[in-house]
C-alpha atoms as a PDB file:
ATOM      1  CA  GLU A   1       1.016   7.614 -21.571  1.00  0.00           C
ATOM      2  CA  ALA A   2       0.386   4.705 -18.633  1.00  0.00           C
ATOM      3  CA  VAL A   3       1.615   0.899 -19.442  1.00  0.00           C
ATOM      4  CA  ALA A   4       0.046  -1.866 -17.457  1.00  0.00           C
ATOM      5  CA  MET A   5       2.661  -4.373 -15.647  1.00  0.00           C
ATOM      6  CA  GLU A   6       1.391  -7.536 -13.588  1.00  0.00           C
ATOM      7  CA  THR A   7       3.898  -7.936 -11.073  1.00  0.00           C
ATOM      8  CA  ASP A   8       4.304 -10.196  -7.997  1.00  0.00           C
ATOM      9  CA  ILE A   9       6.099  -7.221  -6.021  1.00  0.00           C
ATOM     10  CA  SER A  10       6.704 -10.357  -3.451  1.00  0.00           C
ATOM     11  CA  ASP A  11       9.167 -12.164  -5.944  1.00  0.00           C
ATOM     12  CA  GLU A  12      12.513 -10.226  -6.967  1.00  0.00           C
ATOM     13  CA  ASN A  13      12.867 -11.448 -10.459  1.00  0.00           C
ATOM     14  CA  ALA A  14       9.579 -10.107 -10.968  1.00  0.00           C
ATOM     15  CA  THR A  15      10.261  -6.087  -9.283  1.00  0.00           C
ATOM     16  CA  LYS A  16      14.043  -6.646 -11.366  1.00  0.00           C
ATOM     17  CA  LYS A  17      11.922  -6.850 -14.561  1.00  0.00           C
ATOM     18  CA  MET A  18       8.998  -4.878 -13.558  1.00  0.00           C
ATOM     19  CA  ALA A  19      12.551  -1.770 -13.507  1.00  0.00           C
ATOM     20  CA  GLU A  20      13.552  -3.410 -16.602  1.00  0.00           C
ATOM     21  CA  LYS A  21      10.291  -2.662 -18.479  1.00  0.00           C
ATOM     22  CA  VAL A  22      10.257   1.041 -16.932  1.00  0.00           C
ATOM     23  CA  MET A  23      13.067   2.210 -17.925  1.00  0.00           C
ATOM     24  CA  GLN A  24      12.727   0.379 -21.448  1.00  0.00           C
ATOM     25  CA  GLN A  25       9.062   1.826 -21.384  1.00  0.00           C
ATOM     26  CA  TYR A  26      10.419   5.979 -19.964  1.00  0.00           C
ATOM     27  CA  GLY A  27      14.386   6.109 -20.179  1.00  0.00           C
ATOM     28  CA  LYS A  28      13.999   7.571 -16.341  1.00  0.00           C
ATOM     29  CA  VAL A  29      11.517   7.057 -12.955  1.00  0.00           C
ATOM     30  CA  ASP A  30      10.977  10.011 -10.903  1.00  0.00           C
ATOM     31  CA  ILE A  31       8.539   8.442  -8.387  1.00  0.00           C
ATOM     32  CA  LEU A  32       7.986   5.023  -6.646  1.00  0.00           C
ATOM     33  CA  LEU A  33       4.309   5.013  -4.310  1.00  0.00           C
ATOM     34  CA  ASN A  34       4.222   1.791  -3.097  1.00  0.00           C
ATOM     35  CA  ASN A  35       0.652   1.273  -3.143  1.00  0.00           C
ATOM     36  CA  ALA A  36       0.108  -2.572  -3.269  1.00  0.00           C
ATOM     37  CA  ALA A  37      -0.650  -4.650  -0.532  1.00  0.00           C
ATOM     38  CA  ILE A  38      -2.950  -7.150   0.986  1.00  0.00           C
ATOM     39  CA  TRP A  39      -6.068  -5.975   2.613  1.00  0.00           C
ATOM     40  CA  TYR A  40      -9.465  -7.716   1.104  1.00  0.00           C
ATOM     41  CA  GLY A  41     -10.019 -10.559   3.094  1.00  0.00           C
ATOM     42  CA  ILE A  42      -8.888  -9.386   6.070  1.00  0.00           C
ATOM     43  CA  ASN A  43     -11.398  -9.346   8.876  1.00  0.00           C
ATOM     44  CA  ILE A  44     -11.934  -8.253  12.272  1.00  0.00           C
ATOM     45  CA  THR A  45     -10.064 -11.061  13.701  1.00  0.00           C
ATOM     46  CA  PRO A  46      -8.131 -11.881  17.635  1.00  0.00           C
ATOM     47  CA  TRP A  47      -5.195 -11.361  17.862  1.00  0.00           C
ATOM     48  CA  ASP A  48      -3.973 -14.897  18.471  1.00  0.00           C
ATOM     49  CA  ALA A  49      -6.442 -16.950  15.778  1.00  0.00           C
ATOM     50  CA  TRP A  50      -4.243 -15.681  13.352  1.00  0.00           C
ATOM     51  CA  THR A  51      -2.634 -18.745  10.926  1.00  0.00           C
ATOM     52  CA  VAL A  52       1.128 -18.060  10.275  1.00  0.00           C
ATOM     53  CA  GLU A  53       0.116 -19.067   6.827  1.00  0.00           C
ATOM     54  CA  GLU A  54      -1.886 -15.738   6.643  1.00  0.00           C
ATOM     55  CA  TRP A  55       0.443 -13.799   9.025  1.00  0.00           C
ATOM     56  CA  GLU A  56       3.396 -14.317   6.151  1.00  0.00           C
ATOM     57  CA  ARG A  57       1.020 -13.906   2.966  1.00  0.00           C
ATOM     58  CA  ILE A  58       0.690 -10.422   4.246  1.00  0.00           C
ATOM     59  CA  PHE A  59       4.073 -10.073   5.639  1.00  0.00           C
ATOM     60  CA  ALA A  60       5.471 -11.167   1.900  1.00  0.00           C
ATOM     61  CA  VAL A  61       3.714  -8.502   0.092  1.00  0.00           C
ATOM     62  CA  ASN A  62       3.060  -5.373   2.348  1.00  0.00           C
ATOM     63  CA  VAL A  63       6.402  -5.172   3.838  1.00  0.00           C
ATOM     64  CA  ARG A  64       9.060  -7.578   1.247  1.00  0.00           C
ATOM     65  CA  GLY A  65       6.945  -6.798  -1.613  1.00  0.00           C
ATOM     66  CA  THR A  66       7.936  -2.920  -0.737  1.00  0.00           C
ATOM     67  CA  TRP A  67      11.457  -3.407   0.177  1.00  0.00           C
ATOM     68  CA  LEU A  68      11.233  -5.086  -3.135  1.00  0.00           C
ATOM     69  CA  CYS A  69       9.804  -2.620  -5.474  1.00  0.00           C
ATOM     70  CA  CYS A  70      12.360   0.080  -3.566  1.00  0.00           C
ATOM     71  CA  LYS A  71      15.778  -2.213  -3.893  1.00  0.00           C
ATOM     72  CA  ALA A  72      14.857  -2.384  -7.924  1.00  0.00           C
ATOM     73  CA  ILE A  73      13.932   1.090  -8.223  1.00  0.00           C
ATOM     74  CA  ALA A  74      16.232   2.877  -6.205  1.00  0.00           C
ATOM     75  CA  PRO A  75      19.688   2.242  -7.862  1.00  0.00           C
ATOM     76  CA  LEU A  76      17.665   3.696 -10.905  1.00  0.00           C
ATOM     77  CA  MET A  77      17.095   6.882  -8.796  1.00  0.00           C
ATOM     78  CA  ILE A  78      20.584   7.056  -7.473  1.00  0.00           C
ATOM     79  CA  LYS A  79      21.865   7.043 -11.174  1.00  0.00           C
ATOM     80  CA  GLN A  80      19.447   9.987 -11.434  1.00  0.00           C
ATOM     81  CA  SER A  81      20.699  11.400  -8.297  1.00  0.00           C
ATOM     82  CA  ARG A  82      16.786  12.521  -7.903  1.00  0.00           C
ATOM     83  CA  GLY A  83      13.450  10.569  -6.971  1.00  0.00           C
ATOM     84  CA  LYS A  84      10.903  10.558  -4.599  1.00  0.00           C
ATOM     85  CA  ILE A  85       9.892   7.079  -2.843  1.00  0.00           C
ATOM     86  CA  ILE A  86       5.931   6.861  -1.459  1.00  0.00           C
ATOM     87  CA  ASN A  87       5.287   4.378   0.635  1.00  0.00           C
ATOM     88  CA  MET A  88       1.483   3.721   1.715  1.00  0.00           C
ATOM     89  CA  ALA A  89       1.804   3.206   5.607  1.00  0.00           C
ATOM     90  CA  SER A  90      -1.939   3.289   7.799  1.00  0.00           C
ATOM     91  CA  ASN A  91      -3.062   4.672  11.151  1.00  0.00           C
ATOM     92  CA  VAL A  92      -3.752   1.326  11.995  1.00  0.00           C
ATOM     93  CA  ALA A  93       0.057   0.515  13.297  1.00  0.00           C
ATOM     94  CA  LYS A  94      -1.563   3.143  15.417  1.00  0.00           C
ATOM     95  CA  VAL A  95      -4.670   3.470  17.270  1.00  0.00           C
ATOM     96  CA  PRO A  96      -6.349   1.060  19.566  1.00  0.00           C
ATOM     97  CA  ALA A  97      -7.688  -1.207  16.772  1.00  0.00           C
ATOM     98  CA  ALA A  98      -4.702  -2.448  15.762  1.00  0.00           C
ATOM     99  CA  GLN A  99      -5.140  -5.065  17.893  1.00  0.00           C
ATOM    100  CA  LEU A 100      -8.020  -6.151  15.819  1.00  0.00           C
ATOM    101  CA  PHE A 101      -6.271  -6.543  12.487  1.00  0.00           C
ATOM    102  CA  LEU A 102      -2.770  -7.332  13.777  1.00  0.00           C
ATOM    103  CA  PRO A 103      -0.722  -8.850  11.021  1.00  0.00           C
ATOM    104  CA  TYR A 104      -1.878  -6.187   8.968  1.00  0.00           C
ATOM    105  CA  SER A 105      -1.504  -3.507  11.884  1.00  0.00           C
ATOM    106  CA  CYS A 106       2.656  -4.575  11.952  1.00  0.00           C
ATOM    107  CA  SER A 107       3.548  -4.617   8.246  1.00  0.00           C
ATOM    108  CA  LYS A 108       1.643  -1.143   8.386  1.00  0.00           C
ATOM    109  CA  GLY A 109       4.459  -0.366  11.452  1.00  0.00           C
ATOM    110  CA  ALA A 110       7.174  -1.885   9.563  1.00  0.00           C
ATOM    111  CA  LEU A 111       6.860   0.476   6.972  1.00  0.00           C
ATOM    112  CA  TYR A 112       7.166   3.474   9.095  1.00  0.00           C
ATOM    113  CA  THR A 113      10.633   1.709  10.184  1.00  0.00           C
ATOM    114  CA  LEU A 114      11.524   1.299   6.382  1.00  0.00           C
ATOM    115  CA  THR A 115      10.356   4.693   5.648  1.00  0.00           C
ATOM    116  CA  HIS A 116      12.719   5.929   8.044  1.00  0.00           C
ATOM    117  CA  ALA A 117      15.878   4.232   7.323  1.00  0.00           C
ATOM    118  CA  LEU A 118      15.241   4.143   3.368  1.00  0.00           C
ATOM    119  CA  ALA A 119      15.468   8.015   3.951  1.00  0.00           C
ATOM    120  CA  ARG A 120      18.454   8.193   5.542  1.00  0.00           C
ATOM    121  CA  ALA A 121      20.139   5.386   3.423  1.00  0.00           C
ATOM    122  CA  LEU A 122      19.431   7.471   0.187  1.00  0.00           C
ATOM    123  CA  GLY A 123      18.791  10.939   1.207  1.00  0.00           C
ATOM    124  CA  SER A 124      22.558  11.698  -0.014  1.00  0.00           C
ATOM    125  CA  SER A 125      21.586  10.340  -3.293  1.00  0.00           C
ATOM    126  CA  GLY A 126      19.201  12.981  -4.047  1.00  0.00           C
ATOM    127  CA  ILE A 127      16.075  10.740  -3.021  1.00  0.00           C
ATOM    128  CA  ASN A 128      13.514  11.420  -0.937  1.00  0.00           C
ATOM    129  CA  VAL A 129      11.433   9.022   0.713  1.00  0.00           C
ATOM    130  CA  ASN A 130       8.022   9.745   3.053  1.00  0.00           C
ATOM    131  CA  ALA A 131       4.989   7.917   3.746  1.00  0.00           C
ATOM    132  CA  ILE A 132       1.427   8.324   3.712  1.00  0.00           C
ATOM    133  CA  ALA A 133      -0.661   6.547   6.683  1.00  0.00           C
ATOM    134  CA  PRO A 134      -4.778   6.939   6.103  1.00  0.00           C
ATOM    135  CA  GLY A 135      -7.398   6.363   8.235  1.00  0.00           C
ATOM    136  CA  TYR A 136      -9.935   3.258   7.431  1.00  0.00           C
ATOM    137  CA  VAL A 137     -10.656   4.471   3.487  1.00  0.00           C
ATOM    138  CA  ALA A 138     -14.518   3.950   1.761  1.00  0.00           C
ATOM    139  CA  SER A 139     -12.673   2.015  -0.865  1.00  0.00           C
ATOM    140  CA  GLU A 140     -13.866  -0.668  -3.284  1.00  0.00           C
ATOM    141  CA  ALA A 141     -11.629  -3.048  -0.939  1.00  0.00           C
ATOM    142  CA  SER A 142     -12.754  -1.345   2.538  1.00  0.00           C
ATOM    143  CA  LEU A 143     -16.297  -1.457   1.007  1.00  0.00           C
ATOM    144  CA  ALA A 144     -16.070  -5.292   0.019  1.00  0.00           C
ATOM    145  CA  GLN A 145     -14.597  -6.062   3.633  1.00  0.00           C
ATOM    146  CA  ARG A 146     -17.515  -8.395   5.683  1.00  0.00           C
ATOM    147  CA  ASP A 147     -17.209  -5.928   8.648  1.00  0.00           C
ATOM    148  CA  SER A 148     -16.853  -2.400   6.911  1.00  0.00           C
ATOM    149  CA  GLU A 149     -19.651  -1.149   8.326  1.00  0.00           C
ATOM    150  CA  LYS A 150     -18.296  -1.613  12.203  1.00  0.00           C
ATOM    151  CA  ILE A 151     -14.744  -0.927  11.447  1.00  0.00           C
ATOM    152  CA  PHE A 152     -15.898   2.864   9.886  1.00  0.00           C
ATOM    153  CA  GLU A 153     -17.936   2.894  13.044  1.00  0.00           C
ATOM    154  CA  ILE A 154     -14.851   2.263  15.082  1.00  0.00           C
ATOM    155  CA  ALA A 155     -12.298   4.379  12.743  1.00  0.00           C
ATOM    156  CA  THR A 156     -15.026   7.022  12.385  1.00  0.00           C
ATOM    157  CA  SER A 157     -15.729   6.802  17.022  1.00  0.00           C
ATOM    158  CA  GLU A 158     -11.767   8.387  16.683  1.00  0.00           C
ATOM    159  CA  GLN A 159     -11.622  10.777  14.129  1.00  0.00           C
ATOM    160  CA  SER A 160     -11.694  14.590  14.891  1.00  0.00           C
ATOM    161  CA  ILE A 161     -13.490  14.777  11.734  1.00  0.00           C
ATOM    162  CA  GLN A 162     -16.452  13.228  11.727  1.00  0.00           C
ATOM    163  CA  LYS A 163     -16.925  11.540   7.707  1.00  0.00           C
ATOM    164  CA  ARG A 164     -15.658   8.592   6.023  1.00  0.00           C
ATOM    165  CA  LEU A 165     -12.590   9.331   4.360  1.00  0.00           C
ATOM    166  CA  GLN A 166     -12.611   9.110   0.435  1.00  0.00           C
ATOM    167  CA  PRO A 167      -9.658   8.021  -1.660  1.00  0.00           C
ATOM    168  CA  THR A 168      -9.734  11.365  -3.404  1.00  0.00           C
ATOM    169  CA  ASP A 169      -8.634  12.608  -0.193  1.00  0.00           C
ATOM    170  CA  LEU A 170      -4.920  11.269  -0.504  1.00  0.00           C
ATOM    171  CA  VAL A 171      -4.664  12.854  -3.667  1.00  0.00           C
ATOM    172  CA  GLY A 172      -3.355  15.988  -2.630  1.00  0.00           C
ATOM    173  CA  THR A 173      -0.557  14.810  -0.756  1.00  0.00           C
ATOM    174  CA  ALA A 174       0.057  11.946  -2.628  1.00  0.00           C
ATOM    175  CA  VAL A 175       0.747  14.716  -5.539  1.00  0.00           C
ATOM    176  CA  PHE A 176       2.587  16.972  -3.273  1.00  0.00           C
ATOM    177  CA  LEU A 177       5.286  14.210  -1.873  1.00  0.00           C
ATOM    178  CA  ALA A 178       6.037  13.180  -5.609  1.00  0.00           C
ATOM    179  CA  SER A 179       6.577  17.028  -6.926  1.00  0.00           C
ATOM    180  CA  GLU A 180       9.649  19.819  -6.065  1.00  0.00           C
ATOM    181  CA  ASP A 181       7.360  20.710  -3.545  1.00  0.00           C
ATOM    182  CA  SER A 182       8.755  18.282  -0.587  1.00  0.00           C
ATOM    183  CA  ASP A 183      11.799  18.508  -2.245  1.00  0.00           C
ATOM    184  CA  PHE A 184      12.994  19.131   1.836  1.00  0.00           C
ATOM    185  CA  ILE A 185      10.536  16.693   3.258  1.00  0.00           C
ATOM    186  CA  SER A 186      12.003  13.260   4.327  1.00  0.00           C
ATOM    187  CA  GLY A 187      11.352   9.954   6.175  1.00  0.00           C
ATOM    188  CA  GLN A 188       7.598  11.630   7.366  1.00  0.00           C
ATOM    189  CA  VAL A 189       5.067   9.617   8.087  1.00  0.00           C
ATOM    190  CA  ILE A 190       2.358  12.200   7.177  1.00  0.00           C
ATOM    191  CA  TYR A 191      -1.257  10.952   8.752  1.00  0.00           C
ATOM    192  CA  ILE A 192      -4.554  11.237   6.945  1.00  0.00           C
ATOM    193  CA  ASP A 193      -7.224  10.329   8.740  1.00  0.00           C
ATOM    194  CA  GLY A 194      -9.617  12.839  10.190  1.00  0.00           C
ATOM    195  CA  GLY A 195      -7.251  13.794  13.041  1.00  0.00           C
ATOM    196  CA  THR A 196      -7.154  10.370  14.958  1.00  0.00           C
ATOM    197  CA  VAL A 197      -3.285  10.452  15.150  1.00  0.00           C
ATOM    198  CA  MET A 198      -1.748  13.558  16.653  1.00  0.00           C
ATOM    199  CA  LEU A 199       1.765  13.991  17.308  1.00  0.00           C
END
């Protein structure tokens, strides 16, 4: 049974209350998928044209919010000696187009570091921490962007697989990382971007 909880993840008290409500409802936490982010309304902008307010607003949700959710939920998982944390990053931190959305790109790059650090910090407690780094997804938010067609053109031109990435393309990896099949995988950033980033 799904329960919706409106939460400002940039606020520590709000994330603590979210964790408390989850425990009241379910009595345990198996999976934390950090998917909330500021993306809608971000358009192609020169790197030095962003304002401090825009930069801080994006980081407050994309980085601090993810960290606060982990901070609120991890103690519950530690008590269980088990848990899966999945951070939704982005390949934009690793591609030439990073300069076009600099605060967003940097915020997603920060999630790589957060994922690696928490994987080491929480591994001995039986908690796996990984990240998914999609390319430009044809989601409702992306399609509503002012520059969406131009962004799709840029993204697709860098892909080995020449088609638009759909939200459903992310499901299999997310389910795998949330399952027991991934019990020996931690600290990894998995790119779902049509072969754009190759390591």
